[in-house]
Protein backbone atom coordinates (compact mmCIF):
# COMPACT_ATOMS: atom_id res chain seq x y z
CA MET A 1 -23.53 -6.63 72.64
CA ALA A 2 -22.36 -10.25 72.67
CA ASN A 3 -20.21 -9.50 69.62
CA VAL A 4 -18.34 -6.84 71.60
CA ARG A 5 -17.59 -9.36 74.34
CA TRP A 6 -16.16 -12.10 72.16
CA LEU A 7 -14.21 -9.57 70.10
CA GLY A 8 -12.74 -8.17 73.32
CA LEU A 9 -11.62 -11.63 74.42
CA LEU A 10 -10.23 -12.18 70.91
CA ALA A 11 -8.13 -9.00 71.24
CA LEU A 12 -6.74 -10.22 74.58
CA TYR A 13 -6.06 -13.64 73.05
CA ILE A 14 -4.16 -12.33 70.03
CA GLY A 15 -2.43 -9.54 71.96
CA ALA A 16 -1.02 -11.83 74.66
CA GLN A 17 0.34 -14.23 72.04
CA ILE A 18 2.00 -11.39 70.13
CA VAL A 19 3.57 -10.19 73.39
CA GLY A 20 4.78 -13.74 73.99
CA LEU A 21 6.36 -13.82 70.54
CA ALA A 22 8.08 -10.48 71.11
CA LEU A 23 9.49 -11.54 74.49
CA ALA A 24 10.53 -15.09 73.59
CA ASN A 25 14.03 -14.44 72.25
CA PRO A 26 14.90 -11.73 74.81
CA PHE A 27 13.80 -14.07 77.60
CA ARG A 28 15.86 -16.86 76.06
CA SER A 29 18.90 -14.57 75.99
CA GLU A 30 18.34 -13.82 79.68
CA GLY A 31 18.25 -17.55 80.46
CA LEU A 32 14.69 -17.56 81.77
CA ALA A 33 13.78 -21.06 80.53
CA SER A 34 12.20 -23.13 83.30
CA ASN A 35 14.14 -26.31 82.54
CA ALA A 36 17.65 -27.20 81.44
CA ASN A 37 16.70 -29.51 78.55
CA PRO A 38 13.88 -27.98 76.47
CA GLN A 39 14.06 -30.79 73.90
CA SER A 40 13.37 -33.61 76.38
CA PRO A 41 9.97 -35.31 75.83
CA THR A 42 9.63 -35.54 79.62
CA ALA A 43 10.13 -31.79 80.12
CA PRO A 44 6.41 -30.92 80.33
CA ILE A 45 5.50 -33.68 82.80
CA ALA A 46 6.04 -31.51 85.89
CA LEU A 47 3.91 -28.69 84.47
CA ILE A 48 1.15 -31.11 83.48
CA LEU A 49 1.09 -32.51 87.02
CA VAL A 50 0.88 -29.00 88.50
CA ILE A 51 -1.99 -28.07 86.17
CA VAL A 52 -3.85 -31.28 87.03
CA LEU A 53 -3.29 -31.15 90.80
CA ALA A 54 -3.52 -27.39 91.49
CA PRO A 55 -7.28 -27.11 90.75
CA LEU A 56 -8.00 -30.04 93.06
CA LEU A 57 -5.97 -28.43 95.84
CA ILE A 58 -7.69 -25.07 95.35
CA LEU A 59 -11.14 -26.67 95.46
CA LEU A 60 -10.20 -28.63 98.58
CA LEU A 61 -8.93 -25.57 100.44
CA ALA A 62 -11.83 -23.41 99.26
CA ARG A 63 -14.26 -25.71 101.10
CA ARG A 64 -12.65 -24.95 104.45
CA GLN A 65 -13.86 -22.03 106.55
CA GLY A 66 -11.94 -18.94 105.54
CA GLY A 67 -10.26 -20.94 102.79
CA VAL A 68 -11.31 -18.69 99.92
CA GLY A 69 -9.88 -15.55 101.57
CA ALA A 70 -6.60 -17.26 102.50
CA LEU A 71 -6.27 -18.73 99.01
CA ARG A 72 -6.90 -15.35 97.43
CA GLN A 73 -4.13 -13.73 99.48
CA LEU A 74 -1.70 -16.54 98.71
CA ILE A 75 -2.42 -16.59 94.99
CA LEU A 76 -2.27 -12.79 94.76
CA LEU A 77 1.18 -12.79 96.36
CA GLY A 78 2.29 -15.47 93.91
CA ILE A 79 0.93 -13.48 90.98
CA ALA A 80 2.63 -10.30 92.20
CA GLY A 81 5.95 -12.11 92.55
CA SER A 82 5.65 -13.63 89.09
CA LEU A 83 4.74 -10.25 87.60
CA PHE A 84 7.75 -8.63 89.24
CA PHE A 85 10.09 -11.32 87.90
CA THR A 86 8.81 -11.19 84.32
CA LEU A 87 8.38 -7.41 84.23
CA TYR A 88 11.94 -6.94 85.45
CA ALA A 89 13.24 -9.18 82.65
CA THR A 90 11.12 -7.24 80.14
CA PHE A 91 12.14 -3.78 81.33
CA LEU A 92 15.76 -4.89 81.54
CA PHE A 93 15.63 -5.71 77.85
CA LEU A 94 13.87 -2.45 76.96
CA GLU A 95 15.99 -0.01 78.98
CA PRO A 96 18.64 1.75 76.87
CA SER A 97 21.45 1.56 79.40
CA GLY A 98 22.45 0.11 82.76
CA ALA A 99 22.13 1.57 86.23
CA LEU A 100 21.50 5.28 86.74
CA LEU A 101 23.86 7.17 89.04
CA LEU A 102 22.40 9.21 91.88
CA PRO A 103 23.88 12.47 93.11
CA PRO A 104 26.47 13.02 94.34
CA TYR A 105 27.82 11.23 91.28
CA SER A 106 31.26 10.91 92.84
CA ALA A 107 29.80 8.34 95.26
CA GLU A 108 28.89 6.14 92.27
CA ILE A 109 25.61 5.05 93.86
CA GLY A 110 23.47 3.50 91.12
CA VAL A 111 19.88 2.34 90.82
CA ASP A 112 18.47 -0.11 88.30
CA PRO A 113 15.51 1.58 86.51
CA ALA A 114 14.13 -1.80 85.39
CA LEU A 115 14.09 -3.06 88.97
CA ILE A 116 12.31 0.04 90.26
CA LEU A 117 9.77 0.12 87.44
CA ALA A 118 8.99 -3.60 87.79
CA GLY A 119 8.50 -3.13 91.53
CA ILE A 120 6.16 -0.17 91.05
CA VAL A 121 4.02 -1.88 88.39
CA SER A 122 3.78 -5.25 90.13
CA ALA A 123 3.05 -3.64 93.52
CA GLY A 124 0.45 -1.36 91.91
CA LEU A 125 -1.32 -4.27 90.25
CA TYR A 126 -1.21 -6.25 93.49
CA MET A 127 -2.81 -3.40 95.46
CA ALA A 128 -5.43 -2.83 92.77
CA LEU A 129 -6.34 -6.52 92.72
CA LEU A 130 -6.42 -6.57 96.50
CA MET A 131 -8.53 -3.45 97.03
CA ASP A 132 -10.76 -3.06 93.96
CA PRO A 133 -10.40 -5.91 91.46
CA GLN A 134 -12.47 -4.49 88.64
CA TRP A 135 -12.60 -6.36 85.34
CA TYR A 136 -10.05 -4.13 83.59
CA ILE A 137 -7.52 -4.59 86.41
CA VAL A 138 -8.01 -8.35 86.30
CA ASP A 139 -7.64 -8.38 82.51
CA LEU A 140 -4.55 -6.15 82.59
CA ALA A 141 -2.79 -8.35 85.13
CA GLY A 142 -3.82 -11.49 83.25
CA PHE A 143 -2.68 -10.02 79.93
CA VAL A 144 0.77 -9.11 81.26
CA ALA A 145 1.19 -12.44 83.03
CA GLY A 146 -0.14 -14.35 80.02
CA GLY A 147 2.26 -12.77 77.55
CA ALA A 148 5.24 -13.44 79.80
CA LEU A 149 4.14 -17.02 80.49
CA ILE A 150 3.80 -17.73 76.78
CA ALA A 151 7.38 -16.56 76.23
CA ILE A 152 8.77 -18.54 79.18
CA LEU A 153 6.96 -21.75 78.24
CA GLY A 154 7.90 -21.33 74.58
CA ILE A 155 11.61 -21.15 75.37
CA SER A 156 11.28 -23.94 77.96
CA PHE A 157 9.72 -26.52 75.62
CA GLY A 158 11.01 -27.52 72.20
CA ILE A 159 8.59 -28.57 69.47
CA LEU A 160 8.01 -32.17 70.62
CA PRO A 161 7.59 -31.30 74.33
CA ALA A 162 5.25 -28.43 73.39
CA LEU A 163 3.13 -30.77 71.27
CA ILE A 164 3.03 -33.26 74.15
CA LEU A 165 1.96 -30.47 76.53
CA LEU A 166 -0.83 -29.27 74.25
CA SER A 167 -2.07 -32.78 73.48
CA ALA A 168 -2.15 -33.89 77.12
CA LEU A 169 -3.91 -30.74 78.32
CA MET A 170 -6.57 -30.76 75.60
CA VAL A 171 -7.55 -34.27 76.76
CA TYR A 172 -7.42 -33.25 80.43
CA ASP A 173 -9.50 -30.11 79.84
CA ALA A 174 -12.22 -32.10 78.09
CA ILE A 175 -12.37 -34.58 80.98
CA ALA A 176 -12.30 -31.83 83.63
CA VAL A 177 -15.14 -29.86 82.02
CA TYR A 178 -17.43 -32.53 80.58
CA ARG A 179 -16.88 -35.56 82.82
CA THR A 180 -15.66 -34.66 86.32
CA LYS A 181 -16.81 -31.02 85.88
CA HIS A 182 -14.35 -29.87 88.55
CA MET A 183 -12.99 -27.23 86.17
CA VAL A 184 -16.45 -25.64 86.13
CA SER A 185 -16.40 -25.57 89.95
CA LEU A 186 -12.90 -24.06 89.83
CA ALA A 187 -14.15 -21.26 87.56
CA ASP A 188 -16.85 -20.47 90.15
CA VAL A 189 -14.23 -20.22 92.91
CA VAL A 190 -11.84 -18.09 90.82
CA THR A 191 -14.67 -15.73 89.90
CA GLU A 192 -15.52 -15.33 93.57
CA MET A 193 -11.88 -14.51 94.35
CA LYS A 194 -11.65 -12.04 91.42
CA LEU A 195 -8.24 -13.32 90.29
CA PRO A 196 -6.54 -12.75 86.92
CA ILE A 197 -6.77 -16.47 86.19
CA LEU A 198 -10.05 -15.82 84.41
CA MET A 199 -10.25 -13.10 81.77
CA VAL A 200 -13.44 -11.01 81.90
CA MET A 201 -15.10 -9.16 79.04
CA PRO A 202 -18.31 -7.24 79.90
CA ASP A 203 -20.71 -5.64 77.46
CA ARG A 204 -20.19 -2.18 78.98
CA ALA A 205 -17.27 -0.26 80.47
CA GLY A 206 -19.14 0.49 83.71
CA TYR A 207 -19.59 -3.18 84.59
CA ASP A 208 -18.86 -3.69 88.31
CA TYR A 209 -17.03 -7.00 88.57
CA THR A 210 -16.83 -6.82 92.37
CA ALA A 211 -20.64 -6.81 92.63
CA ALA A 212 -21.29 -9.21 89.75
CA PRO A 213 -23.24 -12.44 90.26
CA THR A 214 -21.24 -15.65 90.44
CA LEU A 215 -20.71 -17.79 87.36
CA LYS A 216 -23.13 -20.33 88.81
CA GLU A 217 -25.81 -17.64 89.08
CA GLN A 218 -25.08 -16.37 85.58
CA ARG A 219 -25.43 -19.85 84.11
CA GLY A 220 -29.05 -19.73 85.26
CA GLN A 221 -29.66 -16.66 83.10
CA PRO A 222 -30.37 -16.57 79.34
CA VAL A 223 -27.20 -15.89 77.35
CA GLU A 224 -28.43 -12.53 76.10
CA GLU A 225 -28.95 -11.33 79.68
CA ARG A 226 -25.47 -12.21 80.92
CA ALA A 227 -23.38 -9.09 81.44
CA ALA A 228 -19.97 -10.64 80.76
CA MET A 229 -18.11 -13.47 79.08
CA PHE A 230 -15.18 -15.31 80.65
CA MET A 231 -12.13 -17.16 79.35
CA GLY A 232 -9.51 -18.99 81.34
CA LEU A 233 -5.99 -17.59 81.17
CA GLY A 234 -4.77 -21.09 80.38
CA ASP A 235 -6.85 -21.04 77.20
CA ILE A 236 -4.61 -18.20 76.02
CA VAL A 237 -1.26 -19.37 77.40
CA ILE A 238 -1.26 -23.07 76.47
CA PRO A 239 -1.86 -22.74 72.69
CA GLY A 240 0.42 -19.71 72.77
CA THR A 241 3.20 -21.97 74.03
CA LEU A 242 3.38 -23.70 70.63
CA VAL A 243 3.35 -20.30 68.89
CA ALA A 244 6.42 -19.17 70.84
CA SER A 245 8.09 -22.59 70.65
CA ALA A 246 7.82 -22.67 66.85
CA PHE A 247 9.26 -19.16 66.66
CA VAL A 248 12.20 -19.94 68.95
CA TRP A 249 13.16 -23.48 67.96
CA LEU A 250 12.52 -23.70 64.21
CA PRO A 251 15.13 -22.58 61.64
CA THR A 252 15.00 -18.92 60.65
CA VAL A 253 15.60 -19.51 56.93
CA PRO A 254 14.00 -16.76 54.81
CA THR A 255 10.78 -17.46 52.90
CA VAL A 256 8.48 -15.16 50.92
CA PHE A 257 9.49 -11.48 51.26
CA GLY A 258 12.41 -12.59 53.43
CA ILE A 259 10.17 -13.52 56.38
CA GLY A 260 11.75 -16.21 58.54
CA ALA A 261 10.29 -19.70 58.25
CA ASN A 262 10.00 -19.86 62.02
CA LEU A 263 7.78 -16.78 62.09
CA VAL A 264 5.61 -18.09 59.25
CA VAL A 265 4.95 -21.34 61.12
CA ALA A 266 4.40 -19.51 64.42
CA LEU A 267 1.78 -17.27 62.81
CA ALA A 268 0.14 -20.32 61.22
CA VAL A 269 -0.10 -21.90 64.67
CA MET A 270 -1.80 -18.75 65.92
CA LEU A 271 -4.14 -18.76 62.92
CA GLY A 272 -5.05 -22.40 63.54
CA SER A 273 -5.86 -21.67 67.17
CA LEU A 274 -8.01 -18.72 66.04
CA VAL A 275 -10.06 -21.09 63.91
CA GLY A 276 -10.58 -23.15 67.05
CA TYR A 277 -11.43 -19.93 68.91
CA GLY A 278 -14.17 -19.14 66.39
CA VAL A 279 -15.76 -22.56 66.86
CA LEU A 280 -15.39 -22.25 70.63
CA MET A 281 -17.19 -18.90 70.73
CA ARG A 282 -20.11 -20.31 68.76
CA LEU A 283 -20.44 -23.05 71.37
CA VAL A 284 -20.02 -20.63 74.28
CA LEU A 285 -22.82 -18.45 72.94
CA GLY A 286 -25.03 -21.51 73.33
CA GLY A 287 -24.91 -20.85 77.06
CA ASN A 288 -23.11 -23.88 78.50
CA PRO A 289 -19.54 -24.11 79.88
CA GLN A 290 -17.11 -25.32 77.23
CA ALA A 291 -13.66 -26.84 77.36
CA GLY A 292 -11.47 -24.40 75.45
CA LEU A 293 -8.25 -26.35 75.00
CA PRO A 294 -9.57 -29.19 72.78
CA LEU A 295 -10.50 -26.65 70.11
CA LEU A 296 -7.76 -24.09 70.72
CA ASN A 297 -4.92 -26.60 71.06
CA GLY A 298 -6.35 -28.76 68.29
CA GLY A 299 -6.40 -25.80 65.92
CA ALA A 300 -2.88 -24.75 66.94
CA ILE A 301 -1.49 -28.26 66.40
CA ALA A 302 -3.21 -28.59 63.01
CA GLY A 303 -1.88 -25.17 61.98
CA TYR A 304 1.62 -26.23 62.98
CA PHE A 305 1.67 -29.48 61.00
CA VAL A 306 0.18 -27.94 57.86
CA ALA A 307 2.46 -24.91 57.92
CA TYR A 308 5.60 -26.91 58.72
CA PHE A 309 5.02 -29.23 55.77
CA LEU A 310 4.28 -26.36 53.38
CA VAL A 311 7.27 -24.31 54.50
CA PHE A 312 9.94 -26.99 55.02
CA ARG A 313 8.61 -29.71 52.68
CA SER A 314 9.46 -32.31 55.31
CA LEU A 315 7.55 -34.94 57.25
CA THR A 316 9.90 -34.76 60.21
CA PHE A 317 7.75 -31.85 61.47
CA GLY A 318 10.65 -30.46 63.50
CA LEU A 319 10.34 -33.19 66.11
CA THR A 320 14.11 -33.69 66.37
CA GLY A 321 15.17 -30.60 68.25
CA GLY A 322 13.34 -28.22 65.93
CA LEU A 323 15.54 -29.08 62.93
């Protein structure tokens, strides 16, 4: 059943990146970029610092009495707020018209369907995660958040900043997993809190994530006896950032069959990261924790450079504002 697990994670991986691609331009039109100068090489520095420091803060607080419970509540509220924000932007784009008038219509009292729907979905996911965080709830929340994050980061970072982000984090991830090993400890804490920061794929639908052994306990079991596989949400979002960035910031000149050059390169980035995913899964099936970003980001970056050269016949690689 191990094949079912890695194929399930693969579906989440590809699906979230496709969602990110679909949302990128609508989010850009809504002005949802997280910084004012997406082409600045220094644009990703703040995010890199957050990604480096946040795990250390979480581990520090988790060691305090009652720290895990308090952290879980705080992170869940943050996730719910983020989901509401991104879902509202998504539903706002999808809804056919503006506010709906309530009777009596002469009073011209209107409600925003996107606002209401985003509130219902985000509140529902928050309550489900709070009360019974089964693996499918965790994966659904992570999938929605991951797709939206890919779009937001893609429109927030031009090609050069995105490449800097991916390169810096692939080095950091390798150090954090293989040298300091604090990312392995973080995975243990996140699994205990049952948060959608770690995607879960069991070998059967009836798997009870709330009663599952910790990652530390599972690492003591043979691979074939482990009931689930796990993948960090960042392993989906970070390589996906370059996918969305290529789609948004590269020229849309038509290529074969009229497909835009930007989409061709974006799909090549995704394909490159999938090659890295294949290698990663072979290592994961060996039973030891693996740093995902060196392979995933490395494959994405290689796919970008190869595709850009083949499509645009240029060695500038779009590093000057995507042109």
